[in-house]
Each structure stands twice: as structure tokens, then as C-alpha cells.
N, C-alpha and C. Protein backbone atom coordinates (compact mmCIF):
# COMPACT_ATOMS: atom_id res chain seq x y z
N MET A 1 55.21 225.66 -110.42
CA MET A 1 53.82 225.41 -110.06
C MET A 1 53.58 223.93 -109.79
N GLU A 2 54.28 223.09 -110.54
CA GLU A 2 54.14 221.65 -110.36
C GLU A 2 54.61 221.21 -108.98
N PHE A 3 55.61 221.92 -108.45
CA PHE A 3 56.12 221.61 -107.11
C PHE A 3 55.04 221.83 -106.06
N PHE A 4 54.32 222.95 -106.15
CA PHE A 4 53.27 223.23 -105.18
C PHE A 4 52.13 222.22 -105.28
N SER A 5 51.79 221.83 -106.47
CA SER A 5 50.73 220.84 -106.67
C SER A 5 51.14 219.50 -106.06
N SER A 6 52.37 219.12 -106.27
CA SER A 6 52.86 217.86 -105.70
C SER A 6 52.94 217.94 -104.18
N ALA A 7 53.36 219.09 -103.66
CA ALA A 7 53.46 219.26 -102.21
C ALA A 7 52.07 219.24 -101.57
N ILE A 8 51.09 219.82 -102.20
CA ILE A 8 49.73 219.83 -101.67
C ILE A 8 49.14 218.43 -101.68
N ASP A 9 49.40 217.67 -102.74
CA ASP A 9 48.91 216.28 -102.79
C ASP A 9 49.55 215.44 -101.69
N THR A 10 50.84 215.64 -101.47
CA THR A 10 51.54 214.91 -100.41
C THR A 10 51.02 215.31 -99.03
N LEU A 11 50.80 216.60 -98.83
CA LEU A 11 50.27 217.08 -97.56
C LEU A 11 48.88 216.52 -97.31
N GLN A 12 48.06 216.48 -98.34
CA GLN A 12 46.71 215.94 -98.20
C GLN A 12 46.77 214.47 -97.79
N THR A 13 47.63 213.71 -98.42
CA THR A 13 47.77 212.29 -98.09
C THR A 13 48.23 212.09 -96.65
N LEU A 14 49.19 212.89 -96.23
CA LEU A 14 49.71 212.77 -94.86
C LEU A 14 48.67 213.14 -93.82
N VAL A 15 47.90 214.19 -94.07
CA VAL A 15 46.89 214.62 -93.10
C VAL A 15 45.77 213.59 -93.00
N ILE A 16 45.34 213.05 -94.14
CA ILE A 16 44.29 212.02 -94.12
C ILE A 16 44.79 210.77 -93.40
N ALA A 17 46.05 210.38 -93.66
CA ALA A 17 46.61 209.21 -92.98
C ALA A 17 46.73 209.44 -91.48
N LEU A 18 47.10 210.64 -91.07
CA LEU A 18 47.18 210.97 -89.65
C LEU A 18 45.80 210.88 -89.00
N GLY A 19 44.79 211.42 -89.67
CA GLY A 19 43.43 211.35 -89.14
C GLY A 19 42.91 209.93 -89.06
N ALA A 20 43.21 209.14 -90.08
CA ALA A 20 42.77 207.74 -90.07
C ALA A 20 43.47 206.96 -88.96
N GLY A 21 44.74 207.21 -88.77
CA GLY A 21 45.47 206.53 -87.69
C GLY A 21 44.92 206.90 -86.32
N LEU A 22 44.62 208.17 -86.14
CA LEU A 22 44.04 208.61 -84.87
C LEU A 22 42.65 208.00 -84.66
N GLY A 23 41.89 207.89 -85.74
CA GLY A 23 40.57 207.26 -85.64
C GLY A 23 40.66 205.79 -85.29
N VAL A 24 41.59 205.08 -85.89
CA VAL A 24 41.77 203.66 -85.58
C VAL A 24 42.21 203.48 -84.13
N TRP A 25 43.10 204.35 -83.67
CA TRP A 25 43.54 204.30 -82.28
C TRP A 25 42.36 204.56 -81.35
N GLY A 26 41.48 205.47 -81.74
CA GLY A 26 40.29 205.74 -80.95
C GLY A 26 39.35 204.56 -80.89
N ILE A 27 39.20 203.86 -82.02
CA ILE A 27 38.34 202.67 -82.04
C ILE A 27 38.90 201.60 -81.11
N ILE A 28 40.22 201.43 -81.14
CA ILE A 28 40.85 200.43 -80.26
C ILE A 28 40.62 200.79 -78.80
N ASN A 29 40.81 202.06 -78.45
CA ASN A 29 40.57 202.48 -77.06
C ASN A 29 39.11 202.34 -76.68
N LEU A 30 38.22 202.64 -77.60
CA LEU A 30 36.79 202.52 -77.33
C LEU A 30 36.41 201.06 -77.08
N LEU A 31 36.88 200.17 -77.91
CA LEU A 31 36.58 198.75 -77.72
C LEU A 31 37.22 198.21 -76.45
N GLU A 32 38.40 198.69 -76.14
CA GLU A 32 39.05 198.27 -74.91
C GLU A 32 38.27 198.77 -73.69
N GLY A 33 37.73 199.96 -73.80
CA GLY A 33 36.92 200.50 -72.71
C GLY A 33 35.64 199.73 -72.51
N TYR A 34 35.01 199.30 -73.61
CA TYR A 34 33.81 198.47 -73.48
C TYR A 34 34.14 197.08 -72.95
N GLY A 35 35.29 196.54 -73.35
CA GLY A 35 35.67 195.21 -72.90
C GLY A 35 35.98 195.15 -71.42
N ASN A 36 36.62 196.20 -70.91
CA ASN A 36 36.99 196.23 -69.50
C ASN A 36 35.99 197.00 -68.65
N ASP A 37 34.93 197.49 -69.25
CA ASP A 37 33.93 198.31 -68.58
C ASP A 37 34.60 199.50 -67.88
N ASN A 38 35.41 200.21 -68.67
CA ASN A 38 36.18 201.34 -68.17
C ASN A 38 35.64 202.62 -68.82
N PRO A 39 34.91 203.44 -68.08
CA PRO A 39 34.33 204.64 -68.68
C PRO A 39 35.38 205.65 -69.13
N GLY A 40 36.54 205.69 -68.48
CA GLY A 40 37.60 206.60 -68.90
C GLY A 40 38.15 206.26 -70.27
N ALA A 41 38.36 204.97 -70.51
CA ALA A 41 38.87 204.54 -71.81
C ALA A 41 37.82 204.73 -72.90
N LYS A 42 36.55 204.55 -72.56
CA LYS A 42 35.49 204.78 -73.54
C LYS A 42 35.45 206.25 -73.93
N SER A 43 35.56 207.13 -72.96
CA SER A 43 35.53 208.56 -73.23
C SER A 43 36.73 208.98 -74.08
N GLN A 44 37.89 208.49 -73.73
CA GLN A 44 39.08 208.82 -74.50
C GLN A 44 38.98 208.26 -75.91
N GLY A 45 38.45 207.07 -76.05
CA GLY A 45 38.32 206.45 -77.37
C GLY A 45 37.39 207.23 -78.27
N ILE A 46 36.26 207.68 -77.74
CA ILE A 46 35.31 208.42 -78.59
C ILE A 46 35.88 209.78 -78.95
N LYS A 47 36.64 210.40 -78.05
CA LYS A 47 37.28 211.68 -78.37
C LYS A 47 38.32 211.51 -79.47
N GLN A 48 39.12 210.44 -79.38
CA GLN A 48 40.13 210.20 -80.40
C GLN A 48 39.48 209.86 -81.74
N LEU A 49 38.41 209.10 -81.70
CA LEU A 49 37.71 208.75 -82.93
C LEU A 49 37.16 209.99 -83.61
N MET A 50 36.52 210.86 -82.86
CA MET A 50 35.94 212.08 -83.44
C MET A 50 37.02 213.05 -83.91
N SER A 51 38.11 213.16 -83.17
CA SER A 51 39.17 214.07 -83.61
C SER A 51 39.87 213.52 -84.86
N GLY A 52 40.01 212.21 -84.95
CA GLY A 52 40.58 211.61 -86.16
C GLY A 52 39.71 211.85 -87.36
N ALA A 53 38.39 211.75 -87.18
CA ALA A 53 37.47 212.04 -88.27
C ALA A 53 37.56 213.50 -88.68
N GLY A 54 37.71 214.39 -87.70
CA GLY A 54 37.85 215.82 -88.01
C GLY A 54 39.12 216.13 -88.77
N VAL A 55 40.22 215.52 -88.37
CA VAL A 55 41.49 215.76 -89.06
C VAL A 55 41.42 215.21 -90.49
N ALA A 56 40.84 214.04 -90.67
CA ALA A 56 40.70 213.48 -92.01
C ALA A 56 39.78 214.35 -92.87
N LEU A 57 38.74 214.90 -92.28
CA LEU A 57 37.83 215.78 -93.01
C LEU A 57 38.55 217.06 -93.45
N VAL A 58 39.39 217.60 -92.59
CA VAL A 58 40.18 218.77 -92.97
C VAL A 58 41.10 218.42 -94.13
N GLY A 59 41.69 217.23 -94.08
CA GLY A 59 42.56 216.80 -95.17
C GLY A 59 41.83 216.63 -96.48
N MET A 60 40.59 216.19 -96.41
CA MET A 60 39.83 215.98 -97.64
C MET A 60 39.21 217.26 -98.19
N MET A 61 38.78 218.16 -97.31
CA MET A 61 38.03 219.33 -97.75
C MET A 61 38.86 220.60 -97.88
N LEU A 62 39.70 220.89 -96.90
CA LEU A 62 40.37 222.19 -96.88
C LEU A 62 41.72 222.23 -97.57
N ILE A 63 42.47 221.15 -97.49
CA ILE A 63 43.81 221.18 -98.09
C ILE A 63 43.76 221.31 -99.61
N PRO A 64 42.81 220.68 -100.31
CA PRO A 64 42.76 220.94 -101.76
C PRO A 64 42.49 222.40 -102.13
N LEU A 65 41.92 223.16 -101.22
CA LEU A 65 41.70 224.58 -101.50
C LEU A 65 43.00 225.36 -101.55
N LEU A 66 44.07 224.80 -100.99
CA LEU A 66 45.38 225.47 -101.07
C LEU A 66 45.89 225.54 -102.51
N SER A 67 45.50 224.60 -103.34
CA SER A 67 45.95 224.63 -104.73
C SER A 67 45.40 225.86 -105.45
N ASN A 68 44.21 226.32 -105.07
CA ASN A 68 43.65 227.53 -105.67
C ASN A 68 44.38 228.78 -105.19
N LEU A 69 44.99 228.70 -104.01
CA LEU A 69 45.70 229.83 -103.46
C LEU A 69 46.97 230.12 -104.27
N PHE A 70 47.62 229.09 -104.77
CA PHE A 70 48.88 229.27 -105.49
C PHE A 70 48.70 229.35 -107.00
N SER A 71 47.50 229.26 -107.50
CA SER A 71 47.33 229.33 -108.96
C SER A 71 46.81 230.67 -109.42
């Protein structure tokens, strides 16, 4: 049982880090789009920012529910 708990904690950390990285990449693209007045880069940046926030939210809210599945 300890193995599953450790695996779920590791999975949660990895998913949150992936979402945060995607969000940071989105912020960089968004700022680059504003700096160059490029609407395509702005659109891509906001999409990446929102998807990164969604992935991080899944990591924070849904992955801990997996621990209840195995107990």
C-alpha cells in the first residue's frame, strides 16, 4: 500500500510541474506576442497558459483521489 501512496505523490508532483512548465511557457509566448505585436503568438500564449493551469488543477484536485481508489 505504501508503494501506491508514494507513486501517487510522485505522479501528483510530476503533473503539477508539467502544468506549471506549460503555464510559464505560455506566459513567455504571451509576452513575446505583446512585445512584437503578434496576434498569433498572443493567442498561442494564452492557450498554453490556460492549458497549463488546467493540467496543474488536475494534478492538485483529481490525482489525490486515486489514493482513495486503492485503499
